[in-house]
Amino acid sequence: MVEKKGIYVPEIDIDTCMGCGLCQDSCNSVTSKQCLILKNGVMCVFNEKACKMQQPECDFRCVKLCPTKALSLARIDA
């Protein structure tokens, strides 16, 4: 992955997500059950603060390991 400056969170394409949970299982957030949650059969970012707190150490395994490439990175204001 190319090094990017700024704060990022996963963005999930709900039409592509198959709800397998691999992204959630791979999340290395140390806060309450990571940054992602399964809702209505698809993943969604439910704890943006937890995700932001992990940076810059986060390697975004959730994005890298998604088998359907439903996750991408979205830059947000800090």
C-alpha atoms as a PDB file:
ATOM      1  CA  MET A   1       0.000   0.000   0.000  1.00  0.00           C
ATOM      2  CA  VAL A   2       1.258   3.474  -0.820  1.00  0.00           C
ATOM      3  CA  GLU A   3       2.025   5.602   2.240  1.00  0.00           C
ATOM      4  CA  LYS A   4      -0.608   8.317   2.541  1.00  0.00           C
ATOM      5  CA  LYS A   5      -0.591  11.281   4.899  1.00  0.00           C
ATOM      6  CA  GLY A   6      -3.739  12.220   6.767  1.00  0.00           C
ATOM      7  CA  ILE A   7      -6.407  10.366   8.691  1.00  0.00           C
ATOM      8  CA  TYR A   8      -8.296   7.586   6.919  1.00  0.00           C
ATOM      9  CA  VAL A   9     -11.146   5.253   7.710  1.00  0.00           C
ATOM     10  CA  PRO A  10     -12.443   2.304   5.722  1.00  0.00           C
ATOM     11  CA  GLU A  11     -15.258   3.058   3.310  1.00  0.00           C
ATOM     12  CA  ILE A  12     -17.463   0.107   2.487  1.00  0.00           C
ATOM     13  CA  ASP A  13     -19.262  -0.517  -0.787  1.00  0.00           C
ATOM     14  CA  ILE A  14     -22.455  -2.102   0.480  1.00  0.00           C
ATOM     15  CA  ASP A  15     -23.266  -3.501  -2.962  1.00  0.00           C
ATOM     16  CA  THR A  16     -19.984  -5.434  -3.051  1.00  0.00           C
ATOM     17  CA  CYS A  17     -19.689  -6.484   0.609  1.00  0.00           C
ATOM     18  CA  MET A  18     -20.731 -10.086   1.174  1.00  0.00           C
ATOM     19  CA  GLY A  19     -20.699  -9.824   4.984  1.00  0.00           C
ATOM     20  CA  CYS A  20     -18.015 -12.456   5.550  1.00  0.00           C
ATOM     21  CA  GLY A  21     -16.527 -10.569   8.533  1.00  0.00           C
ATOM     22  CA  LEU A  22     -12.900 -11.064   7.511  1.00  0.00           C
ATOM     23  CA  CYS A  23     -12.287  -7.313   7.756  1.00  0.00           C
ATOM     24  CA  GLN A  24     -13.651  -7.196  11.298  1.00  0.00           C
ATOM     25  CA  ASP A  25     -11.635 -10.227  12.361  1.00  0.00           C
ATOM     26  CA  SER A  26      -8.443  -8.701  10.956  1.00  0.00           C
ATOM     27  CA  CYS A  27      -8.907  -5.296  12.625  1.00  0.00           C
ATOM     28  CA  ASN A  28      -6.137  -4.610  15.115  1.00  0.00           C
ATOM     29  CA  SER A  29      -8.013  -1.917  17.061  1.00  0.00           C
ATOM     30  CA  VAL A  30      -7.624  -2.339  20.801  1.00  0.00           C
ATOM     31  CA  THR A  31     -10.907  -0.627  21.631  1.00  0.00           C
ATOM     32  CA  SER A  32     -14.318  -2.202  22.097  1.00  0.00           C
ATOM     33  CA  LYS A  33     -14.726  -4.843  19.367  1.00  0.00           C
ATOM     34  CA  GLN A  34     -12.781  -2.949  16.748  1.00  0.00           C
ATOM     35  CA  CYS A  35     -13.978  -0.339  14.295  1.00  0.00           C
ATOM     36  CA  LEU A  36     -16.350  -2.422  12.166  1.00  0.00           C
ATOM     37  CA  ILE A  37     -19.660  -4.143  12.791  1.00  0.00           C
ATOM     38  CA  LEU A  38     -21.912  -6.395  10.712  1.00  0.00           C
ATOM     39  CA  LYS A  39     -25.296  -4.744  10.204  1.00  0.00           C
ATOM     40  CA  ASN A  40     -28.059  -5.986   7.914  1.00  0.00           C
ATOM     41  CA  GLY A  41     -25.684  -8.437   6.259  1.00  0.00           C
ATOM     42  CA  VAL A  42     -22.932  -5.932   5.394  1.00  0.00           C
ATOM     43  CA  MET A  43     -20.053  -4.401   7.294  1.00  0.00           C
ATOM     44  CA  CYS A  44     -20.128  -0.776   8.354  1.00  0.00           C
ATOM     45  CA  VAL A  45     -17.755   1.522  10.209  1.00  0.00           C
ATOM     46  CA  PHE A  46     -19.335   2.013  13.587  1.00  0.00           C
ATOM     47  CA  ASN A  47     -16.423   3.354  15.586  1.00  0.00           C
ATOM     48  CA  GLU A  48     -14.622   5.945  13.476  1.00  0.00           C
ATOM     49  CA  LYS A  49     -12.900   7.312  16.607  1.00  0.00           C
ATOM     50  CA  ALA A  50     -11.372   3.911  17.378  1.00  0.00           C
ATOM     51  CA  CYS A  51     -10.133   3.661  13.810  1.00  0.00           C
ATOM     52  CA  LYS A  52      -8.581   7.138  13.915  1.00  0.00           C
ATOM     53  CA  MET A  53      -6.891   6.381  17.269  1.00  0.00           C
ATOM     54  CA  GLN A  54      -4.965   3.484  15.709  1.00  0.00           C
ATOM     55  CA  GLN A  55      -3.218   5.680  13.151  1.00  0.00           C
ATOM     56  CA  PRO A  56      -0.505   5.987  11.999  1.00  0.00           C
ATOM     57  CA  GLU A  57       0.246   2.441  13.238  1.00  0.00           C
ATOM     58  CA  CYS A  58      -2.777   0.901  11.524  1.00  0.00           C
ATOM     59  CA  ASP A  59      -1.872  -1.094   8.433  1.00  0.00           C
ATOM     60  CA  PHE A  60      -5.505  -1.312   7.220  1.00  0.00           C
ATOM     61  CA  ARG A  61      -5.547  -5.096   7.098  1.00  0.00           C
ATOM     62  CA  CYS A  62      -9.316  -4.804   6.784  1.00  0.00           C
ATOM     63  CA  VAL A  63      -8.928  -3.182   3.351  1.00  0.00           C
ATOM     64  CA  LYS A  64      -6.100  -5.441   2.205  1.00  0.00           C
ATOM     65  CA  LEU A  65      -7.840  -8.705   3.124  1.00  0.00           C
ATOM     66  CA  CYS A  66     -11.332  -8.039   1.766  1.00  0.00           C
ATOM     67  CA  PRO A  67     -11.968 -10.829  -0.761  1.00  0.00           C
ATOM     68  CA  THR A  68     -14.449  -8.751  -2.777  1.00  0.00           C
ATOM     69  CA  LYS A  69     -12.484  -5.467  -2.535  1.00  0.00           C
ATOM     70  CA  ALA A  70     -15.543  -3.826  -0.959  1.00  0.00           C
ATOM     71  CA  LEU A  71     -13.359  -1.685   1.308  1.00  0.00           C
ATOM     72  CA  SER A  72     -11.350   1.333   0.289  1.00  0.00           C
ATOM     73  CA  LEU A  73      -9.813   4.179   2.256  1.00  0.00           C
ATOM     74  CA  ALA A  74     -11.560   7.500   2.679  1.00  0.00           C
ATOM     75  CA  ARG A  75      -9.635  10.508   3.948  1.00  0.00           C
ATOM     76  CA  ILE A  76     -11.398  12.397   6.715  1.00  0.00           C
ATOM     77  CA  ASP A  77     -10.702  15.593   8.609  1.00  0.00           C
ATOM     78  CA  ALA A  78      -8.836  14.922  11.841  1.00  0.00           C
END
